[in-house]
Amino acid sequence: MSNPIASRIRLAGVMAAFIYPVITAYLYLLGPVTAGWEMWQRTIVLVPMMVLTIVFAVSPAINRYFGRFIAGIRRAG
């Protein structure tokens, strides 16, 4: 059985690697549209977009492609 702290650290690293380009792209896309808005107004638009992206795209992809790595399970053979 894998160390749960090590698994959480691996999950955090993989999640950050997936989320960074997504949030950067969203900020570039929203920048021109929200140029005159207050910070709280920008965040109220950005947060639902990020939550939906994480729940329906990023997290399932991480579980599918990196689940064994995160869990610390080595391939047999």
N, C-alpha and C. Protein backbone atom coordinates (compact mmCIF):
# COMPACT_ATOMS: atom_id res chain seq x y z
N MET A 1 0.84 -1.18 0.00
CA MET A 1 0.00 0.00 0.00
C MET A 1 0.89 1.24 0.00
N SER A 2 0.46 2.25 -0.74
CA SER A 2 1.24 3.46 -0.90
C SER A 2 1.04 4.41 0.28
N ASN A 3 2.02 5.26 0.47
CA ASN A 3 1.95 6.29 1.49
C ASN A 3 0.91 7.33 1.08
N PRO A 4 -0.12 7.60 1.91
CA PRO A 4 -1.17 8.54 1.51
C PRO A 4 -0.66 9.97 1.32
N ILE A 5 0.35 10.36 2.06
CA ILE A 5 0.90 11.71 1.88
C ILE A 5 1.61 11.82 0.54
N ALA A 6 2.35 10.79 0.18
CA ALA A 6 3.03 10.80 -1.12
C ALA A 6 2.01 10.82 -2.26
N SER A 7 0.92 10.09 -2.11
CA SER A 7 -0.12 10.10 -3.13
C SER A 7 -0.73 11.48 -3.29
N ARG A 8 -0.96 12.15 -2.19
CA ARG A 8 -1.54 13.51 -2.24
C ARG A 8 -0.56 14.48 -2.90
N ILE A 9 0.71 14.32 -2.62
CA ILE A 9 1.71 15.20 -3.24
C ILE A 9 1.77 14.95 -4.74
N ARG A 10 1.74 13.68 -5.15
CA ARG A 10 1.73 13.38 -6.59
C ARG A 10 0.47 13.94 -7.25
N LEU A 11 -0.69 13.79 -6.59
CA LEU A 11 -1.94 14.33 -7.13
C LEU A 11 -1.86 15.85 -7.26
N ALA A 12 -1.32 16.51 -6.26
CA ALA A 12 -1.20 17.97 -6.32
C ALA A 12 -0.30 18.40 -7.47
N GLY A 13 0.79 17.70 -7.68
CA GLY A 13 1.70 18.04 -8.78
C GLY A 13 1.07 17.85 -10.14
N VAL A 14 0.41 16.72 -10.33
CA VAL A 14 -0.25 16.45 -11.61
C VAL A 14 -1.39 17.44 -11.83
N MET A 15 -2.17 17.70 -10.79
CA MET A 15 -3.29 18.64 -10.90
C MET A 15 -2.79 20.03 -11.27
N ALA A 16 -1.72 20.48 -10.64
CA ALA A 16 -1.16 21.80 -10.95
C ALA A 16 -0.68 21.86 -12.40
N ALA A 17 -0.06 20.79 -12.87
CA ALA A 17 0.42 20.75 -14.26
C ALA A 17 -0.73 20.83 -15.25
N PHE A 18 -1.88 20.25 -14.91
CA PHE A 18 -3.05 20.31 -15.79
C PHE A 18 -3.78 21.65 -15.67
N ILE A 19 -3.88 22.19 -14.46
CA ILE A 19 -4.68 23.38 -14.23
C ILE A 19 -3.99 24.65 -14.71
N TYR A 20 -2.68 24.73 -14.56
CA TYR A 20 -1.97 25.96 -14.92
C TYR A 20 -2.25 26.42 -16.35
N PRO A 21 -2.10 25.56 -17.36
CA PRO A 21 -2.38 26.04 -18.72
C PRO A 21 -3.86 26.38 -18.94
N VAL A 22 -4.75 25.67 -18.26
CA VAL A 22 -6.18 25.95 -18.43
C VAL A 22 -6.52 27.32 -17.86
N ILE A 23 -6.08 27.60 -16.67
CA ILE A 23 -6.41 28.89 -16.06
C ILE A 23 -5.72 30.03 -16.80
N THR A 24 -4.52 29.79 -17.31
CA THR A 24 -3.84 30.81 -18.10
C THR A 24 -4.62 31.11 -19.38
N ALA A 25 -5.10 30.08 -20.05
CA ALA A 25 -5.91 30.27 -21.26
C ALA A 25 -7.20 31.02 -20.94
N TYR A 26 -7.87 30.65 -19.85
CA TYR A 26 -9.10 31.35 -19.47
C TYR A 26 -8.82 32.83 -19.18
N LEU A 27 -7.72 33.12 -18.52
CA LEU A 27 -7.39 34.51 -18.22
C LEU A 27 -7.13 35.31 -19.50
N TYR A 28 -6.45 34.70 -20.46
CA TYR A 28 -6.23 35.37 -21.75
C TYR A 28 -7.55 35.58 -22.49
N LEU A 29 -8.43 34.59 -22.44
CA LEU A 29 -9.72 34.72 -23.13
C LEU A 29 -10.63 35.75 -22.47
N LEU A 30 -10.64 35.77 -21.14
CA LEU A 30 -11.51 36.70 -20.42
C LEU A 30 -10.93 38.10 -20.31
N GLY A 31 -9.64 38.25 -20.48
CA GLY A 31 -8.98 39.54 -20.32
C GLY A 31 -9.63 40.67 -21.10
N PRO A 32 -9.77 40.52 -22.41
CA PRO A 32 -10.36 41.62 -23.18
C PRO A 32 -11.83 41.89 -22.82
N VAL A 33 -12.56 40.85 -22.50
CA VAL A 33 -13.98 41.00 -22.19
C VAL A 33 -14.18 41.68 -20.83
N THR A 34 -13.30 41.37 -19.88
CA THR A 34 -13.47 41.86 -18.51
C THR A 34 -12.46 42.95 -18.15
N ALA A 35 -11.97 43.67 -19.13
CA ALA A 35 -10.89 44.64 -18.89
C ALA A 35 -11.27 45.72 -17.88
N GLY A 36 -12.47 46.20 -17.90
CA GLY A 36 -12.86 47.27 -16.99
C GLY A 36 -13.53 46.80 -15.71
N TRP A 37 -13.58 45.50 -15.50
CA TRP A 37 -14.30 44.94 -14.36
C TRP A 37 -13.45 44.94 -13.10
N GLU A 38 -14.11 44.94 -11.97
CA GLU A 38 -13.43 44.77 -10.69
C GLU A 38 -12.94 43.33 -10.57
N MET A 39 -12.00 43.10 -9.68
CA MET A 39 -11.43 41.75 -9.51
C MET A 39 -12.50 40.74 -9.10
N TRP A 40 -13.40 41.12 -8.18
CA TRP A 40 -14.42 40.17 -7.72
C TRP A 40 -15.36 39.80 -8.86
N GLN A 41 -15.59 40.71 -9.81
CA GLN A 41 -16.45 40.40 -10.95
C GLN A 41 -15.76 39.42 -11.90
N ARG A 42 -14.48 39.59 -12.08
CA ARG A 42 -13.73 38.65 -12.93
C ARG A 42 -13.72 37.25 -12.31
N THR A 43 -13.53 37.24 -10.99
CA THR A 43 -13.46 35.93 -10.32
C THR A 43 -14.80 35.23 -10.34
N ILE A 44 -15.89 35.98 -10.25
CA ILE A 44 -17.21 35.35 -10.23
C ILE A 44 -17.52 34.69 -11.59
N VAL A 45 -16.87 35.14 -12.63
CA VAL A 45 -17.00 34.50 -13.95
C VAL A 45 -16.01 33.34 -14.08
N LEU A 46 -14.79 33.55 -13.60
CA LEU A 46 -13.74 32.55 -13.77
C LEU A 46 -13.94 31.30 -12.93
N VAL A 47 -14.38 31.46 -11.70
CA VAL A 47 -14.49 30.31 -10.79
C VAL A 47 -15.44 29.23 -11.31
N PRO A 48 -16.67 29.55 -11.73
CA PRO A 48 -17.52 28.48 -12.27
C PRO A 48 -16.92 27.79 -13.49
N MET A 49 -16.24 28.56 -14.34
CA MET A 49 -15.59 27.95 -15.50
C MET A 49 -14.53 26.95 -15.06
N MET A 50 -13.72 27.33 -14.08
CA MET A 50 -12.66 26.44 -13.61
C MET A 50 -13.23 25.23 -12.89
N VAL A 51 -14.24 25.42 -12.07
CA VAL A 51 -14.83 24.29 -11.34
C VAL A 51 -15.40 23.27 -12.32
N LEU A 52 -16.14 23.74 -13.31
CA LEU A 52 -16.70 22.81 -14.30
C LEU A 52 -15.60 22.11 -15.09
N THR A 53 -14.56 22.83 -15.43
CA THR A 53 -13.44 22.22 -16.17
C THR A 53 -12.75 21.15 -15.32
N ILE A 54 -12.53 21.45 -14.05
CA ILE A 54 -11.87 20.48 -13.18
C ILE A 54 -12.75 19.25 -12.97
N VAL A 55 -14.02 19.46 -12.68
CA VAL A 55 -14.91 18.35 -12.35
C VAL A 55 -15.18 17.46 -13.55
N PHE A 56 -15.40 18.06 -14.72
CA PHE A 56 -15.81 17.26 -15.87
C PHE A 56 -14.70 16.92 -16.85
N ALA A 57 -13.55 17.55 -16.76
CA ALA A 57 -12.48 17.26 -17.72
C ALA A 57 -11.16 16.88 -17.05
N VAL A 58 -10.65 17.75 -16.21
CA VAL A 58 -9.31 17.55 -15.68
C VAL A 58 -9.24 16.37 -14.72
N SER A 59 -10.13 16.35 -13.73
CA SER A 59 -10.08 15.27 -12.75
C SER A 59 -10.30 13.89 -13.36
N PRO A 60 -11.31 13.72 -14.24
CA PRO A 60 -11.44 12.40 -14.88
C PRO A 60 -10.23 12.01 -15.73
N ALA A 61 -9.65 12.98 -16.41
CA ALA A 61 -8.46 12.68 -17.23
C ALA A 61 -7.28 12.27 -16.35
N ILE A 62 -7.11 12.97 -15.24
CA ILE A 62 -6.02 12.62 -14.32
C ILE A 62 -6.24 11.22 -13.75
N ASN A 63 -7.46 10.92 -13.34
CA ASN A 63 -7.73 9.59 -12.80
C ASN A 63 -7.50 8.51 -13.84
N ARG A 64 -7.89 8.78 -15.07
CA ARG A 64 -7.76 7.77 -16.13
C ARG A 64 -6.30 7.53 -16.52
N TYR A 65 -5.57 8.61 -16.72
CA TYR A 65 -4.22 8.47 -17.27
C TYR A 65 -3.11 8.44 -16.22
N PHE A 66 -3.37 8.97 -15.02
CA PHE A 66 -2.34 9.04 -14.00
C PHE A 66 -2.73 8.37 -12.70
N GLY A 67 -3.85 7.66 -12.68
CA GLY A 67 -4.35 7.05 -11.45
C GLY A 67 -3.36 6.09 -10.81
N ARG A 68 -2.74 5.25 -11.59
CA ARG A 68 -1.77 4.28 -11.06
C ARG A 68 -0.55 5.01 -10.48
N PHE A 69 -0.10 6.04 -11.19
CA PHE A 69 1.04 6.82 -10.70
C PHE A 69 0.71 7.50 -9.38
N ILE A 70 -0.45 8.11 -9.31
CA ILE A 70 -0.85 8.83 -8.09
C ILE A 70 -0.99 7.86 -6.94
N ALA A 71 -1.58 6.69 -7.18
CA ALA A 71 -1.77 5.71 -6.14
C ALA A 71 -0.46 5.02 -5.75
N GLY A 72 0.55 5.17 -6.56
CA GLY A 72 1.84 4.55 -6.26
C GLY A 72 1.87 3.06 -6.60
N ILE A 73 1.04 2.67 -7.56
CA ILE A 73 0.97 1.26 -7.97
C ILE A 73 1.92 1.05 -9.15
N ARG A 74 2.78 0.09 -9.00
CA ARG A 74 3.74 -0.21 -10.07
C ARG A 74 3.15 -1.30 -10.97
N ARG A 75 3.51 -1.23 -12.24
CA ARG A 75 3.06 -2.25 -13.19
C ARG A 75 3.79 -3.57 -12.93
N ALA A 76 3.06 -4.63 -13.09
CA ALA A 76 3.66 -5.97 -12.91
C ALA A 76 4.55 -6.27 -14.12
N GLY A 77 5.69 -6.86 -13.82
CA GLY A 77 6.56 -7.31 -14.90
C GLY A 77 7.60 -6.36 -15.19
